[in-house]
Protein backbone atom coordinates (compact mmCIF):
# COMPACT_ATOMS: atom_id res chain seq x y z
CA MET A 1 -132.29 -101.85 37.25
CA ASP A 2 -134.38 -98.82 38.26
CA ILE A 3 -135.71 -100.27 42.01
CA ALA A 4 -131.92 -101.48 42.45
CA LEU A 5 -130.57 -97.69 41.45
CA SER A 6 -133.37 -96.37 43.63
CA ILE A 7 -132.55 -98.67 46.52
CA LEU A 8 -128.75 -97.92 46.51
CA ALA A 9 -129.64 -94.24 46.30
CA LEU A 10 -131.58 -94.23 49.41
CA THR A 11 -128.51 -96.31 50.89
CA GLY A 12 -126.31 -94.07 49.94
CA PHE A 13 -128.31 -91.00 51.44
CA LEU A 14 -129.27 -92.61 54.85
CA ALA A 15 -125.13 -93.44 54.92
CA LEU A 16 -124.65 -90.06 54.12
CA THR A 17 -126.93 -88.79 56.75
CA ALA A 18 -125.21 -90.74 59.01
CA GLY A 19 -121.56 -88.95 58.05
CA THR A 20 -123.33 -86.00 58.40
CA ALA A 21 -124.28 -87.11 62.34
CA LEU A 22 -120.66 -87.97 62.50
CA PHE A 23 -119.38 -84.68 61.63
CA VAL A 24 -121.79 -82.75 63.57
CA ALA A 25 -121.46 -84.99 66.60
CA ALA A 26 -117.57 -84.68 66.53
CA GLU A 27 -117.87 -80.90 66.33
CA PHE A 28 -120.02 -80.17 69.58
CA SER A 29 -117.93 -82.74 71.75
CA LEU A 30 -115.29 -81.13 71.01
CA THR A 31 -116.17 -77.63 71.42
CA ALA A 32 -117.90 -78.94 74.74
CA LEU A 33 -114.66 -80.48 76.54
CA GLU A 34 -112.90 -78.65 79.40
CA ARG A 35 -109.20 -78.97 78.70
CA SER A 36 -108.63 -80.28 81.99
CA THR A 37 -110.89 -83.11 81.43
CA VAL A 38 -109.36 -84.06 78.11
CA ASP A 39 -105.67 -84.03 79.53
CA SER A 40 -106.09 -86.13 82.50
CA HIS A 41 -108.03 -88.61 80.32
CA ALA A 42 -105.72 -88.74 78.03
CA ARG A 43 -102.88 -89.45 80.91
CA GLY A 44 -104.04 -92.99 81.02
CA GLY A 45 -102.14 -93.91 77.49
CA ASP A 46 -105.34 -94.88 75.61
CA ARG A 47 -105.08 -94.22 72.24
CA ARG A 48 -108.21 -92.94 71.66
CA ALA A 49 -107.65 -90.37 74.71
CA ARG A 50 -104.51 -88.77 73.16
CA GLN A 51 -106.63 -88.41 69.29
CA VAL A 52 -109.18 -86.83 71.35
CA GLN A 53 -106.34 -84.29 73.38
CA HIS A 54 -104.70 -84.30 69.41
CA ALA A 55 -107.78 -82.80 68.33
CA HIS A 56 -108.72 -80.71 70.87
CA ARG A 57 -105.53 -78.71 70.69
CA THR A 58 -105.75 -78.14 67.21
CA LEU A 59 -109.31 -77.49 67.49
CA SER A 60 -109.55 -74.63 64.94
CA PHE A 61 -108.45 -76.99 61.90
CA GLN A 62 -110.84 -79.78 63.44
CA LEU A 63 -113.64 -78.01 63.60
CA SER A 64 -112.80 -76.57 59.48
CA GLY A 65 -112.60 -79.99 58.81
CA ALA A 66 -115.84 -80.99 60.34
CA GLN A 67 -117.32 -78.09 58.10
CA LEU A 68 -116.17 -79.53 55.48
CA GLY A 69 -117.64 -82.83 56.26
CA ILE A 70 -120.60 -81.93 56.76
CA THR A 71 -121.04 -79.94 53.48
CA ILE A 72 -119.80 -82.44 51.39
CA THR A 73 -122.07 -84.78 52.85
CA THR A 74 -125.55 -82.44 52.73
CA LEU A 75 -124.80 -81.86 49.62
CA ILE A 76 -124.75 -85.36 47.98
CA THR A 77 -127.42 -86.23 50.31
CA GLY A 78 -129.61 -83.65 48.62
CA TYR A 79 -128.38 -84.43 45.58
CA LEU A 80 -129.14 -88.25 45.69
CA SER A 81 -132.26 -88.11 47.96
CA GLU A 82 -134.45 -85.43 46.32
CA PRO A 83 -134.87 -87.30 42.72
CA VAL A 84 -135.21 -90.77 44.41
CA LEU A 85 -138.02 -89.51 47.18
CA ALA A 86 -139.71 -87.50 44.03
CA ARG A 87 -139.69 -90.73 41.85
CA PHE A 88 -141.77 -92.55 45.20
CA ILE A 89 -143.94 -89.66 45.51
CA THR A 90 -144.78 -88.80 41.78
CA PRO A 91 -147.20 -92.26 41.24
CA ILE A 92 -149.16 -91.06 44.30
CA LEU A 93 -149.94 -87.71 43.52
CA ASP A 94 -150.53 -89.26 39.70
CA ALA A 95 -153.11 -91.27 41.31
CA VAL A 96 -154.99 -88.33 43.07
CA GLY A 97 -155.43 -86.42 40.11
CA PHE A 98 -152.43 -84.12 39.79
CA SER A 99 -151.28 -83.58 36.24
CA GLU A 100 -147.75 -84.67 35.01
CA SER A 101 -145.90 -80.86 35.60
CA ALA A 102 -147.66 -80.36 38.50
CA ALA A 103 -147.44 -84.00 39.98
CA ALA A 104 -143.43 -83.18 39.01
CA ALA A 105 -142.81 -79.62 40.34
CA THR A 106 -144.99 -80.97 44.04
CA SER A 107 -142.94 -84.06 44.26
CA LEU A 108 -139.64 -82.53 44.28
CA VAL A 109 -141.21 -80.27 46.76
CA ILE A 110 -142.11 -82.89 49.14
CA ALA A 111 -138.63 -84.90 48.56
CA LEU A 112 -137.01 -81.81 49.89
CA VAL A 113 -139.00 -81.04 53.25
CA LEU A 114 -138.61 -84.85 53.70
CA ALA A 115 -135.33 -85.39 52.79
CA THR A 116 -134.27 -81.68 54.23
CA SER A 117 -136.16 -82.85 57.49
CA PHE A 118 -134.69 -85.90 57.75
CA SER A 119 -131.10 -84.90 57.50
CA MET A 120 -131.56 -82.01 59.84
CA VAL A 121 -133.11 -84.20 62.63
CA PHE A 122 -131.06 -87.60 62.62
CA GLY A 123 -127.93 -85.86 60.76
CA GLU A 124 -127.97 -83.06 62.90
CA LEU A 125 -130.17 -82.16 66.49
CA VAL A 126 -129.79 -85.90 67.82
CA PRO A 127 -125.81 -86.10 67.38
CA LYS A 128 -125.75 -82.37 68.36
CA ASN A 129 -127.98 -82.99 71.90
CA LEU A 130 -125.93 -86.27 72.32
CA ALA A 131 -122.37 -84.74 72.16
CA ILE A 132 -123.43 -81.68 74.48
CA ALA A 133 -124.91 -84.35 76.68
CA HIS A 134 -122.01 -86.92 76.59
CA PRO A 135 -119.12 -85.22 75.23
CA LEU A 136 -116.06 -86.98 76.03
CA PRO A 137 -117.72 -90.44 75.10
CA THR A 138 -118.46 -88.79 71.82
CA ALA A 139 -115.17 -87.28 71.09
CA ARG A 140 -114.18 -90.52 71.98
CA ALA A 141 -115.94 -92.77 69.21
CA THR A 142 -115.65 -89.69 66.67
CA ALA A 143 -112.09 -89.35 66.88
CA GLY A 144 -110.63 -91.57 64.74
CA MET A 145 -112.81 -90.87 62.23
CA GLN A 146 -112.60 -87.14 62.22
CA ALA A 147 -108.80 -87.06 62.18
CA GLY A 148 -108.81 -89.78 59.32
CA PHE A 149 -110.93 -87.47 57.38
CA SER A 150 -109.04 -84.21 58.29
CA LEU A 151 -105.48 -85.89 56.89
CA ILE A 152 -107.27 -87.00 53.52
CA PHE A 153 -108.85 -82.91 53.16
CA LYS A 154 -105.48 -81.83 54.84
CA TRP A 155 -105.06 -79.55 51.98
CA ALA A 156 -108.42 -78.34 51.36
CA ILE A 157 -109.10 -77.52 54.91
CA LYS A 158 -105.88 -75.69 55.90
CA GLY A 159 -106.72 -73.38 52.57
CA LEU A 160 -110.36 -72.61 53.44
CA ASN A 161 -108.97 -72.34 57.25
CA GLY A 162 -106.51 -69.80 56.37
CA THR A 163 -108.93 -67.76 54.37
CA ALA A 164 -110.85 -67.54 57.21
CA ASN A 165 -108.39 -66.87 59.63
CA TRP A 166 -106.90 -63.74 57.20
CA LEU A 167 -110.49 -62.52 56.80
CA VAL A 168 -110.68 -62.50 61.14
CA ARG A 169 -107.12 -60.77 61.27
CA ARG A 170 -108.38 -58.51 58.77
CA LEU A 171 -111.34 -57.47 61.43
CA GLY A 172 -108.57 -57.33 64.36
CA ILE A 173 -109.08 -59.86 65.76
CA GLU A 174 -106.32 -63.08 66.24
CA PRO A 175 -107.56 -66.50 65.78
CA ALA A 176 -107.38 -68.83 68.60
CA GLU A 177 -106.26 -72.55 67.84
CA GLU A 178 -107.81 -73.96 70.88
CA LEU A 179 -110.34 -72.90 73.87
CA ARG A 180 -109.40 -71.03 76.56
CA SER A 181 -109.62 -73.10 79.56
CA ALA A 182 -109.26 -69.78 82.16
CA ARG A 183 -112.48 -68.29 83.51
CA SER A 184 -113.22 -65.01 85.26
CA PRO A 185 -114.39 -65.18 88.94
CA GLN A 186 -118.00 -64.29 87.79
CA GLU A 187 -118.15 -67.09 85.92
CA LEU A 188 -116.35 -69.70 88.45
CA GLY A 189 -119.06 -67.61 90.61
CA SER A 190 -122.01 -68.62 88.42
CA LEU A 191 -120.57 -72.37 88.25
CA VAL A 192 -120.41 -72.66 91.82
CA ARG A 193 -123.92 -71.30 92.53
CA THR A 194 -125.32 -73.32 89.50
CA SER A 195 -123.61 -76.34 91.06
CA ALA A 196 -125.13 -75.87 94.71
CA GLN A 197 -128.55 -75.46 93.60
CA ARG A 198 -128.39 -78.92 91.67
CA GLY A 199 -126.99 -80.51 94.64
CA ALA A 200 -123.39 -81.14 93.24
CA ILE A 201 -121.93 -79.19 96.17
CA ASP A 202 -123.27 -78.52 99.69
CA LYS A 203 -124.37 -74.93 100.34
CA GLY A 204 -121.65 -74.34 102.77
CA THR A 205 -119.06 -74.91 100.12
CA ALA A 206 -120.55 -73.31 97.63
CA LEU A 207 -120.54 -70.23 100.20
CA LEU A 208 -117.17 -70.27 100.89
CA VAL A 209 -115.70 -70.87 97.90
CA ASN A 210 -118.10 -67.54 96.43
CA ARG A 211 -117.22 -65.22 99.29
CA SER A 212 -113.48 -66.34 98.37
CA LEU A 213 -114.28 -65.56 94.43
CA ARG A 214 -115.42 -62.17 95.66
CA PHE A 215 -112.93 -61.03 98.16
CA GLY A 216 -110.39 -59.55 95.30
CA GLU A 217 -113.31 -57.25 94.54
CA ARG A 218 -113.59 -55.91 98.05
CA THR A 219 -111.88 -52.75 98.76
CA ALA A 220 -109.94 -51.68 102.51
CA GLU A 221 -113.08 -49.14 102.90
CA GLU A 222 -115.82 -52.03 102.63
CA LEU A 223 -113.28 -54.64 105.10
CA MET A 224 -112.45 -52.32 107.52
CA THR A 225 -113.84 -52.25 111.39
CA PRO A 226 -114.86 -48.09 110.72
CA ARG A 227 -113.61 -45.64 112.87
CA VAL A 228 -116.73 -45.45 115.16
CA LYS A 229 -116.32 -48.92 116.35
CA ILE A 230 -112.05 -48.04 117.28
CA GLU A 231 -111.19 -48.35 120.60
CA THR A 232 -107.66 -46.07 120.55
CA LEU A 233 -105.13 -45.55 124.16
CA SER A 234 -103.24 -42.02 124.21
CA THR A 235 -99.39 -42.04 123.88
CA THR A 236 -99.65 -40.76 127.67
CA ASP A 237 -101.35 -43.99 128.71
CA THR A 238 -99.31 -46.76 130.42
CA VAL A 239 -98.93 -50.25 129.96
CA ALA A 240 -101.51 -50.61 132.85
CA ASP A 241 -103.98 -48.85 131.11
CA LEU A 242 -103.14 -51.22 128.26
CA ILE A 243 -104.21 -54.22 130.49
CA ASP A 244 -107.34 -52.71 131.78
CA THR A 245 -108.45 -51.70 128.24
CA ALA A 246 -107.94 -55.22 126.89
CA ALA A 247 -109.72 -56.92 129.97
CA ARG A 248 -112.73 -54.09 129.37
CA THR A 249 -113.53 -54.51 125.98
CA GLY A 250 -111.71 -57.85 125.16
CA PHE A 251 -109.61 -56.62 121.81
CA SER A 252 -105.84 -57.50 121.76
CA ARG A 253 -104.74 -54.54 119.30
CA PHE A 254 -105.08 -50.64 120.25
CA PRO A 255 -104.46 -47.73 117.76
CA VAL A 256 -101.89 -45.05 120.14
CA VAL A 257 -102.85 -42.06 119.15
CA ASP A 258 -101.33 -38.38 119.91
CA GLY A 259 -104.48 -36.35 120.11
CA ASP A 260 -107.15 -38.19 118.04
CA LEU A 261 -107.00 -41.39 115.43
CA ASP A 262 -106.03 -39.11 112.33
CA ASP A 263 -102.56 -38.36 114.77
CA ALA A 264 -101.94 -42.29 115.04
CA VAL A 265 -98.43 -43.16 116.02
CA GLY A 266 -98.90 -46.56 115.69
CA VAL A 267 -100.39 -49.82 116.93
CA VAL A 268 -99.55 -51.47 120.72
CA HIS A 269 -100.23 -55.31 121.30
CA ILE A 270 -101.77 -57.41 124.86
CA LYS A 271 -98.71 -59.01 124.62
CA HIS A 272 -96.41 -56.44 124.65
CA ALA A 273 -97.60 -55.71 128.43
CA PHE A 274 -95.76 -58.96 129.39
CA ALA A 275 -92.03 -57.88 128.25
CA VAL A 276 -92.95 -55.04 130.71
CA PRO A 277 -91.93 -55.74 134.49
CA ALA A 278 -94.81 -55.55 136.92
CA GLY A 279 -93.79 -53.30 138.79
CA ARG A 280 -92.96 -50.27 136.02
CA ARG A 281 -96.36 -51.03 134.34
CA ARG A 282 -97.70 -48.02 136.02
CA THR A 283 -94.74 -45.62 134.63
CA THR A 284 -94.41 -46.87 131.24
CA ARG A 285 -95.93 -45.14 128.69
CA LEU A 286 -97.08 -46.63 125.46
CA SER A 287 -95.68 -44.13 123.28
CA SER A 288 -92.14 -46.16 123.58
CA LEU A 289 -94.13 -49.68 122.74
CA ALA A 290 -96.15 -48.66 119.83
CA GLN A 291 -95.33 -49.85 116.78
CA LYS A 292 -95.70 -48.50 113.24
CA VAL A 293 -98.07 -50.37 110.89
CA PRO A 294 -98.81 -50.13 107.24
CA VAL A 295 -100.91 -46.92 106.08
CA VAL A 296 -103.43 -48.13 103.10
CA PRO A 297 -105.71 -46.36 100.92
CA SER A 298 -109.37 -46.98 101.24
CA SER A 299 -109.51 -47.93 97.55
CA LEU A 300 -106.70 -50.91 97.98
CA ASP A 301 -108.94 -54.45 96.83
CA GLY A 302 -108.67 -57.06 99.01
CA ASP A 303 -106.35 -59.17 97.64
CA ALA A 304 -103.42 -56.26 97.50
CA LEU A 305 -105.20 -55.80 101.40
CA MET A 306 -103.98 -59.33 102.45
CA GLU A 307 -100.55 -58.92 100.95
CA ARG A 308 -99.78 -55.75 102.93
CA ILE A 309 -101.29 -57.12 106.08
CA ARG A 310 -99.48 -60.81 106.24
CA SER A 311 -96.01 -58.86 105.47
CA ASP A 312 -96.66 -57.20 108.99
CA GLY A 313 -96.12 -58.36 112.02
CA MET A 314 -98.76 -56.61 114.12
CA GLN A 315 -101.02 -58.02 111.24
CA VAL A 316 -103.18 -54.85 111.31
CA ALA A 317 -103.29 -51.88 109.12
CA LEU A 318 -104.90 -48.03 109.16
CA VAL A 319 -107.14 -46.99 106.30
CA VAL A 320 -107.44 -43.47 105.23
CA ASP A 321 -109.78 -41.99 103.54
CA GLU A 322 -109.10 -39.35 100.04
CA TYR A 323 -108.61 -36.64 102.52
CA GLY A 324 -105.79 -38.22 104.46
CA GLY A 325 -107.94 -38.82 107.46
CA THR A 326 -108.06 -42.36 109.43
CA ALA A 327 -111.11 -44.16 108.05
CA GLY A 328 -110.64 -47.11 110.18
CA VAL A 329 -108.68 -50.05 110.80
CA VAL A 330 -108.37 -53.43 109.36
CA THR A 331 -106.83 -56.91 110.60
CA MET A 332 -106.77 -60.36 109.78
CA GLU A 333 -109.48 -61.25 111.33
CA ASP A 334 -111.56 -59.05 109.57
CA LEU A 335 -110.04 -60.52 106.18
CA ILE A 336 -110.75 -64.26 107.69
CA GLU A 337 -114.42 -62.99 108.61
CA GLU A 338 -115.05 -62.03 104.82
CA ILE A 339 -114.40 -65.44 103.60
CA VAL A 340 -115.54 -67.89 106.34
CA GLY A 341 -118.07 -65.42 108.14
CA ASP A 342 -118.32 -64.67 111.33
CA VAL A 343 -115.55 -65.81 113.62
CA ARG A 344 -115.82 -65.04 117.41
CA ASP A 345 -114.15 -66.21 120.48
CA GLU A 346 -114.86 -65.90 124.37
CA HIS A 347 -113.62 -62.39 124.28
CA ASP A 348 -115.80 -60.96 121.76
CA GLU A 349 -119.81 -59.60 122.21
CA PRO A 350 -122.36 -61.29 122.21
CA GLU A 351 -124.07 -59.40 119.23
CA ILE A 352 -125.01 -60.39 116.26
CA ASP A 353 -124.58 -59.10 112.70
CA VAL A 354 -127.96 -60.33 111.65
CA GLN A 355 -130.91 -62.13 113.42
CA ARG A 356 -134.22 -63.64 112.53
CA ILE A 357 -137.22 -62.10 114.52
CA GLY A 358 -140.53 -63.27 113.25
CA ASP A 359 -141.09 -62.22 109.87
CA GLY A 360 -138.26 -59.51 109.90
CA TRP A 361 -134.34 -59.34 110.58
CA SER A 362 -132.50 -57.50 113.20
CA CYS A 363 -129.61 -56.23 111.57
CA SER A 364 -126.13 -54.23 112.39
CA GLY A 365 -125.98 -50.73 110.83
CA LEU A 366 -122.64 -51.37 109.78
CA LEU A 367 -123.58 -54.62 107.68
CA ARG A 368 -122.89 -53.55 103.66
CA VAL A 369 -125.72 -53.72 101.93
CA ASP A 370 -123.98 -56.91 99.80
CA GLU A 371 -124.16 -58.91 103.01
CA VAL A 372 -127.76 -57.79 103.55
CA SER A 373 -128.93 -58.93 100.33
CA ASP A 374 -127.21 -62.08 101.13
CA THR A 375 -128.68 -63.07 104.13
CA THR A 376 -131.80 -61.41 104.50
CA GLY A 377 -133.05 -61.22 100.60
CA TYR A 378 -133.43 -57.36 100.50
CA THR A 379 -131.18 -55.94 97.18
CA ALA A 380 -130.59 -52.16 97.95
CA PRO A 381 -130.45 -50.64 94.71
CA GLU A 382 -127.07 -48.71 93.91
CA GLY A 383 -126.54 -45.52 95.36
CA GLU A 384 -124.11 -43.38 97.48
CA TYR A 385 -124.33 -45.87 100.99
CA GLU A 386 -121.81 -48.86 101.86
CA THR A 387 -124.10 -50.09 104.69
CA LEU A 388 -127.58 -50.53 105.97
CA GLY A 389 -127.11 -47.37 108.15
CA GLY A 390 -126.11 -45.36 105.66
CA LEU A 391 -129.28 -46.52 103.34
CA VAL A 392 -131.27 -45.67 106.08
CA LEU A 393 -129.94 -42.22 106.47
CA THR A 394 -129.98 -41.73 102.67
CA GLU A 395 -133.44 -42.53 102.62
CA LEU A 396 -134.72 -40.50 106.07
CA GLY A 397 -132.52 -37.15 105.24
CA ARG A 398 -131.49 -36.79 108.94
CA ILE A 399 -130.53 -38.33 112.27
CA PRO A 400 -132.88 -40.71 113.18
CA ASP A 401 -134.45 -41.73 116.32
CA GLU A 402 -135.24 -44.99 118.18
CA GLY A 403 -138.35 -45.84 116.60
CA ASP A 404 -138.60 -44.31 113.35
CA THR A 405 -139.75 -46.12 110.17
CA VAL A 406 -138.65 -46.01 106.46
CA GLU A 407 -139.81 -47.82 103.20
CA LEU A 408 -136.72 -48.81 101.29
CA PRO A 409 -136.21 -48.72 97.81
CA VAL A 410 -135.82 -51.42 95.34
CA PRO A 411 -133.76 -51.68 91.84
CA GLU A 412 -135.68 -51.40 88.90
CA GLY A 413 -137.66 -54.58 88.09
CA HIS A 414 -137.75 -56.11 91.62
CA HIS A 415 -141.06 -54.48 92.54
CA SER A 416 -143.09 -57.25 92.33
CA GLY A 417 -141.51 -58.59 95.68
CA GLY A 418 -143.14 -56.60 97.59
CA ARG A 419 -142.27 -53.89 99.90
CA TRP A 420 -139.19 -53.46 102.48
CA VAL A 421 -139.45 -51.40 105.42
CA ALA A 422 -136.73 -50.34 108.00
CA THR A 423 -137.22 -49.58 111.86
CA VAL A 424 -134.70 -48.22 113.54
CA THR A 425 -134.38 -49.88 116.44
CA HIS A 426 -131.24 -48.56 118.36
CA MET A 427 -128.90 -45.79 118.23
CA ASP A 428 -125.25 -45.57 119.05
CA GLY A 429 -125.31 -41.51 119.95
CA ARG A 430 -125.54 -40.45 116.01
CA ARG A 431 -124.64 -43.71 114.63
CA ILE A 432 -127.72 -46.09 113.77
CA ASP A 433 -126.59 -49.46 115.74
CA ARG A 434 -129.27 -51.98 115.14
CA VAL A 435 -131.89 -51.91 112.22
CA LEU A 436 -134.88 -54.28 111.91
CA LEU A 437 -135.79 -54.97 108.24
CA THR A 438 -139.62 -56.76 107.28
CA PRO A 439 -140.78 -57.66 104.49
CA GLU A 440 -144.27 -56.45 103.58
CA PRO A 441 -146.29 -58.19 100.21
CA ALA A 442 -147.18 -56.42 97.47
CA ASP A 443 -150.36 -54.94 97.26
CA THR A 444 -152.65 -56.45 94.42
CA GLY A 445 -155.42 -55.62 92.19
CA SER A 446 -157.74 -57.72 93.58
CA ASP A 447 -156.83 -56.01 97.36
CA GLU A 448 -157.47 -52.83 95.83
CA GLU A 449 -160.76 -53.57 94.43
CA ASP A 450 -162.00 -55.06 97.66
CA ASP A 451 -161.12 -51.77 99.24
CA ASP A 452 -163.13 -49.55 96.61
CA GLU A 453 -166.03 -51.95 97.23
């Protein structure tokens, strides 16, 4: 009779452990599923798929039910298993010389450790890992039994869940019934980079998506063509001057100014020249052709800037700084290049922003520091500069000459990557035009010891 009861208790122990595993698998599979995956799977009309969808949309209730199930099965498992296992262990301890009281106490401790370890491994860890690795098949397998248990113990689950929600609200937080499926741009960017590293998407697609996600964080100041690179025409210039300048520069749009760029009266496009008869092109002044364009602050974000430029027929905007002076011009091409990369046609100058030369990179001084990091691997610390040229000026503390070299700073925690040296290779007046970035390996302790010797 005792043997039959012991076998029955062990069988119950195994069944209850399986019950714990079921509830754990249901809990983790539901939390690991994305709403889009669940909804698309449910469109097929499968009953199990609809059960999973219903459970996912009542997630708080289902998780409370799973927790209740785990608690009940674990408590009963401990109640049944420990005395039964101790009954098998006690004779062994008696045989090796334990006293009766010591054998009883020791056998209970061993039984507790064995039962808890078995329940933890097979009742919790194994189903948890299975649910995380294959959430949808696991949710399908457990949805029916989980729904049945939740229906039977609905009264208890609602009471416990309501109490927990009341406490959460007292903390100033509104409980959520289901997981949010939206992701921030930063989270999406991390997902894209991880997918590219694992080969789920190609690097070109990952780069395009990542640039698109970061576009809204850019400001007009970061996206514009700076003032020093803008070709302007005067209000007293003629259509013939417009044609000559377009042929010389390859540009199609030009700000028309009354003195300097701070007094821009509008923008003229080369296509306006075709509306003027050939005989009048040397006498028709650009002041009569210039069209007003939007004027935007340098702090305007990329999304709002895109909307302003798209709504204007000239597809160009003047960017002003905090003092009201013109800081630059931003065009639709500038915005597109921020997303898809460099866009050139047969009229553009052949200059390349970043070019690999030996162990280093020849970079435009107007390249933003984040673009430098993406293309060369050098990461600049935060500072009062936006471009590589600004960083070099900050470190030198003066207007450089061609050939000047400076060691660039690195953020804290990046010193193990070695030094970066910047050499000014070309100046455009007082502006740094080209910089050669060269990485140099960090000095090691062994090298210093060799030098000492």
